[in-house]
Amino acid sequence: MNLWILASSLLSFAVVLVHVFAGGPDVHDPLLAANASAILNTYVSVLWHATTAVLLLDAVALLVAAFHRGSRGALVGIVTGQYLAYAALFVGYGLDRLGSLVVTPQWIAFVAMSATALIGVRPRARTTGPSSPLDDPS
């Protein structure tokens, strides 16, 4: 088991919970109440719930990567690629449209989850054993 990647997975599951239980009332519900057309409300809901599904699948992929060495590199690469793309979107739109990163702090979570997972797949010098319990390569 790789504890760095497991930590990233647990952080990812926490983000799913925040997205559903905090983001739903703070973002999704107000968007639906904004008196947009039925088609736009449909797209808002589809995109909201698709994001939930992707975040959940990413958390599961990291969980699998934490325990299965053979798929670790590919899964971490795919998930961190997505997470860093999300971080870039929050940074870009936060700065461009809002003039601040404070209003869109989600980028911090995506960078933290990516960094934690990438530490888990970093190349390590050969030793007689793990230098730390978090570095267990299995």
C-alpha atoms as a PDB file:
ATOM      1  CA  MET A   1       0.000   0.000   0.000  1.00  0.00           C
ATOM      2  CA  ASN A   2       1.234   3.486  -0.863  1.00  0.00           C
ATOM      3  CA  LEU A   3       0.188   5.858   1.901  1.00  0.00           C
ATOM      4  CA  TRP A   4       0.855   9.018  -0.130  1.00  0.00           C
ATOM      5  CA  ILE A   5      -1.578   7.949  -2.820  1.00  0.00           C
ATOM      6  CA  LEU A   6      -4.022   6.683  -0.205  1.00  0.00           C
ATOM      7  CA  ALA A   7      -3.880  10.132   1.428  1.00  0.00           C
ATOM      8  CA  SER A   8      -4.606  11.731  -1.945  1.00  0.00           C
ATOM      9  CA  SER A   9      -7.554   9.376  -2.404  1.00  0.00           C
ATOM     10  CA  LEU A  10      -8.956  10.250   1.016  1.00  0.00           C
ATOM     11  CA  LEU A  11      -8.568  13.956   0.251  1.00  0.00           C
ATOM     12  CA  SER A  12     -10.372  13.311  -3.032  1.00  0.00           C
ATOM     13  CA  PHE A  13     -13.278  11.615  -1.269  1.00  0.00           C
ATOM     14  CA  ALA A  14     -13.440  14.613   1.084  1.00  0.00           C
ATOM     15  CA  VAL A  15     -13.638  16.937  -1.932  1.00  0.00           C
ATOM     16  CA  VAL A  16     -16.532  14.867  -3.293  1.00  0.00           C
ATOM     17  CA  LEU A  17     -18.363  15.349   0.004  1.00  0.00           C
ATOM     18  CA  VAL A  18     -17.671  19.092  -0.018  1.00  0.00           C
ATOM     19  CA  HIS A  19     -18.828  19.313  -3.638  1.00  0.00           C
ATOM     20  CA  VAL A  20     -22.088  17.504  -2.881  1.00  0.00           C
ATOM     21  CA  PHE A  21     -22.985  18.857   0.558  1.00  0.00           C
ATOM     22  CA  ALA A  22     -21.543  22.387   0.416  1.00  0.00           C
ATOM     23  CA  GLY A  23     -21.367  23.083  -3.305  1.00  0.00           C
ATOM     24  CA  GLY A  24     -24.869  21.823  -3.977  1.00  0.00           C
ATOM     25  CA  PRO A  25     -26.605  24.378  -1.763  1.00  0.00           C
ATOM     26  CA  ASP A  26     -24.069  27.149  -2.457  1.00  0.00           C
ATOM     27  CA  VAL A  27     -23.717  26.765  -6.238  1.00  0.00           C
ATOM     28  CA  HIS A  28     -26.029  24.239  -7.886  1.00  0.00           C
ATOM     29  CA  ASP A  29     -29.258  25.251  -6.146  1.00  0.00           C
ATOM     30  CA  PRO A  30     -28.805  29.012  -6.745  1.00  0.00           C
ATOM     31  CA  LEU A  31     -28.027  28.348 -10.405  1.00  0.00           C
ATOM     32  CA  LEU A  32     -31.279  26.427 -10.732  1.00  0.00           C
ATOM     33  CA  ALA A  33     -33.167  29.237  -8.978  1.00  0.00           C
ATOM     34  CA  ALA A  34     -31.788  31.886 -11.358  1.00  0.00           C
ATOM     35  CA  ASN A  35     -34.851  31.633 -13.640  1.00  0.00           C
ATOM     36  CA  ALA A  36     -32.922  30.306 -16.625  1.00  0.00           C
ATOM     37  CA  SER A  37     -34.686  28.270 -19.272  1.00  0.00           C
ATOM     38  CA  ALA A  38     -35.487  24.603 -18.676  1.00  0.00           C
ATOM     39  CA  ILE A  39     -32.783  23.586 -21.140  1.00  0.00           C
ATOM     40  CA  LEU A  40     -30.123  25.653 -19.365  1.00  0.00           C
ATOM     41  CA  ASN A  41     -31.204  24.261 -15.984  1.00  0.00           C
ATOM     42  CA  THR A  42     -30.935  20.783 -17.460  1.00  0.00           C
ATOM     43  CA  TYR A  43     -27.384  21.471 -18.630  1.00  0.00           C
ATOM     44  CA  VAL A  44     -26.483  22.973 -15.256  1.00  0.00           C
ATOM     45  CA  SER A  45     -27.664  19.799 -13.508  1.00  0.00           C
ATOM     46  CA  VAL A  46     -26.021  17.457 -16.007  1.00  0.00           C
ATOM     47  CA  LEU A  47     -22.691  19.290 -15.706  1.00  0.00           C
ATOM     48  CA  TRP A  48     -22.964  19.494 -11.914  1.00  0.00           C
ATOM     49  CA  HIS A  49     -23.666  15.796 -11.510  1.00  0.00           C
ATOM     50  CA  ALA A  50     -21.112  14.826 -14.171  1.00  0.00           C
ATOM     51  CA  THR A  51     -18.529  16.705 -12.127  1.00  0.00           C
ATOM     52  CA  THR A  52     -19.634  14.754  -9.057  1.00  0.00           C
ATOM     53  CA  ALA A  53     -19.253  11.480 -10.970  1.00  0.00           C
ATOM     54  CA  VAL A  54     -15.785  12.378 -12.291  1.00  0.00           C
ATOM     55  CA  LEU A  55     -14.583  13.460  -8.843  1.00  0.00           C
ATOM     56  CA  LEU A  56     -15.877  10.208  -7.349  1.00  0.00           C
ATOM     57  CA  LEU A  57     -14.269   8.093 -10.070  1.00  0.00           C
ATOM     58  CA  ASP A  58     -10.976   9.948  -9.568  1.00  0.00           C
ATOM     59  CA  ALA A  59     -11.087   9.239  -5.818  1.00  0.00           C
ATOM     60  CA  VAL A  60     -11.733   5.540  -6.538  1.00  0.00           C
ATOM     61  CA  ALA A  61      -8.939   5.446  -9.134  1.00  0.00           C
ATOM     62  CA  LEU A  62      -6.498   6.819  -6.561  1.00  0.00           C
ATOM     63  CA  LEU A  63      -7.716   4.271  -4.027  1.00  0.00           C
ATOM     64  CA  VAL A  64      -7.007   1.486  -6.533  1.00  0.00           C
ATOM     65  CA  ALA A  65      -3.601   3.030  -7.313  1.00  0.00           C
ATOM     66  CA  ALA A  66      -2.728   3.075  -3.614  1.00  0.00           C
ATOM     67  CA  PHE A  67      -3.087  -0.704  -3.446  1.00  0.00           C
ATOM     68  CA  HIS A  68      -2.178  -1.898  -6.964  1.00  0.00           C
ATOM     69  CA  ARG A  69       1.347  -1.087  -7.984  1.00  0.00           C
ATOM     70  CA  GLY A  70       0.924  -2.221 -11.598  1.00  0.00           C
ATOM     71  CA  SER A  71      -1.684   0.406 -12.435  1.00  0.00           C
ATOM     72  CA  ARG A  72      -0.326   3.086 -10.101  1.00  0.00           C
ATOM     73  CA  GLY A  73       1.563   5.260 -12.574  1.00  0.00           C
ATOM     74  CA  ALA A  74      -1.181   5.360 -15.191  1.00  0.00           C
ATOM     75  CA  LEU A  75      -3.986   6.024 -12.727  1.00  0.00           C
ATOM     76  CA  VAL A  76      -2.076   8.727 -10.872  1.00  0.00           C
ATOM     77  CA  GLY A  77      -1.087  10.316 -14.190  1.00  0.00           C
ATOM     78  CA  ILE A  78      -4.657  10.448 -15.475  1.00  0.00           C
ATOM     79  CA  VAL A  79      -6.127  11.740 -12.213  1.00  0.00           C
ATOM     80  CA  THR A  80      -3.439  14.339 -11.546  1.00  0.00           C
ATOM     81  CA  GLY A  81      -3.706  15.509 -15.148  1.00  0.00           C
ATOM     82  CA  GLN A  82      -7.406  16.154 -14.579  1.00  0.00           C
ATOM     83  CA  TYR A  83      -6.827  17.734 -11.183  1.00  0.00           C
ATOM     84  CA  LEU A  84      -4.149  20.091 -12.486  1.00  0.00           C
ATOM     85  CA  ALA A  85      -6.409  21.055 -15.388  1.00  0.00           C
ATOM     86  CA  TYR A  86      -9.181  21.865 -12.884  1.00  0.00           C
ATOM     87  CA  ALA A  87      -6.719  23.878 -10.796  1.00  0.00           C
ATOM     88  CA  ALA A  88      -5.660  25.840 -13.880  1.00  0.00           C
ATOM     89  CA  LEU A  89      -9.304  26.575 -14.717  1.00  0.00           C
ATOM     90  CA  PHE A  90     -10.028  27.867 -11.200  1.00  0.00           C
ATOM     91  CA  VAL A  91      -6.868  29.991 -11.251  1.00  0.00           C
ATOM     92  CA  GLY A  92      -7.471  31.304 -14.754  1.00  0.00           C
ATOM     93  CA  TYR A  93     -11.127  32.160 -14.328  1.00  0.00           C
ATOM     94  CA  GLY A  94     -10.606  33.400 -10.792  1.00  0.00           C
ATOM     95  CA  LEU A  95      -7.974  35.874 -11.930  1.00  0.00           C
ATOM     96  CA  ASP A  96      -9.581  36.813 -15.253  1.00  0.00           C
ATOM     97  CA  ARG A  97     -13.210  37.205 -14.205  1.00  0.00           C
ATOM     98  CA  LEU A  98     -12.977  37.900 -10.489  1.00  0.00           C
ATOM     99  CA  GLY A  99      -9.516  39.394 -10.116  1.00  0.00           C
ATOM    100  CA  SER A 100      -8.755  37.117  -7.175  1.00  0.00           C
ATOM    101  CA  LEU A 101      -7.863  33.561  -6.267  1.00  0.00           C
ATOM    102  CA  VAL A 102      -9.579  33.929  -2.900  1.00  0.00           C
ATOM    103  CA  VAL A 103     -13.050  33.592  -4.419  1.00  0.00           C
ATOM    104  CA  THR A 104     -12.164  30.310  -6.166  1.00  0.00           C
ATOM    105  CA  PRO A 105      -9.996  28.445  -3.634  1.00  0.00           C
ATOM    106  CA  GLN A 106     -10.817  25.031  -5.100  1.00  0.00           C
ATOM    107  CA  TRP A 107      -7.525  25.154  -6.988  1.00  0.00           C
ATOM    108  CA  ILE A 108      -5.709  24.670  -3.685  1.00  0.00           C
ATOM    109  CA  ALA A 109      -7.393  21.304  -3.081  1.00  0.00           C
ATOM    110  CA  PHE A 110      -6.668  20.121  -6.625  1.00  0.00           C
ATOM    111  CA  VAL A 111      -2.985  21.102  -6.366  1.00  0.00           C
ATOM    112  CA  ALA A 112      -2.688  19.487  -2.919  1.00  0.00           C
ATOM    113  CA  MET A 113      -4.312  16.239  -4.062  1.00  0.00           C
ATOM    114  CA  SER A 114      -2.079  16.163  -7.156  1.00  0.00           C
ATOM    115  CA  ALA A 115       1.098  16.852  -5.222  1.00  0.00           C
ATOM    116  CA  THR A 116       0.276  14.194  -2.648  1.00  0.00           C
ATOM    117  CA  ALA A 117      -0.406  11.575  -5.328  1.00  0.00           C
ATOM    118  CA  LEU A 118       2.681  12.519  -7.333  1.00  0.00           C
ATOM    119  CA  ILE A 119       4.880  12.150  -4.254  1.00  0.00           C
ATOM    120  CA  GLY A 120       3.577   8.584  -4.109  1.00  0.00           C
ATOM    121  CA  VAL A 121       4.872   7.767  -7.594  1.00  0.00           C
ATOM    122  CA  ARG A 122       8.146   9.691  -7.474  1.00  0.00           C
ATOM    123  CA  PRO A 123      11.283   7.709  -8.180  1.00  0.00           C
ATOM    124  CA  ARG A 124      13.155   6.848  -5.010  1.00  0.00           C
ATOM    125  CA  ALA A 125      16.738   5.883  -4.392  1.00  0.00           C
ATOM    126  CA  ARG A 126      17.237   2.206  -3.673  1.00  0.00           C
ATOM    127  CA  THR A 127      17.495   1.457   0.038  1.00  0.00           C
ATOM    128  CA  THR A 128      17.207  -1.604   2.201  1.00  0.00           C
ATOM    129  CA  GLY A 129      13.690  -0.554   3.175  1.00  0.00           C
ATOM    130  CA  PRO A 130      11.278   2.331   3.081  1.00  0.00           C
ATOM    131  CA  SER A 131      12.734   5.509   4.551  1.00  0.00           C
ATOM    132  CA  SER A 132       9.328   6.361   5.968  1.00  0.00           C
ATOM    133  CA  PRO A 133       6.077   4.452   6.445  1.00  0.00           C
ATOM    134  CA  LEU A 134       4.578   6.763   3.807  1.00  0.00           C
ATOM    135  CA  ASP A 135       7.137   5.572   1.251  1.00  0.00           C
ATOM    136  CA  ASP A 136       6.051   1.930   1.235  1.00  0.00           C
ATOM    137  CA  PRO A 137       6.321   1.058  -2.490  1.00  0.00           C
ATOM    138  CA  SER A 138       3.906  -1.884  -2.405  1.00  0.00           C
END
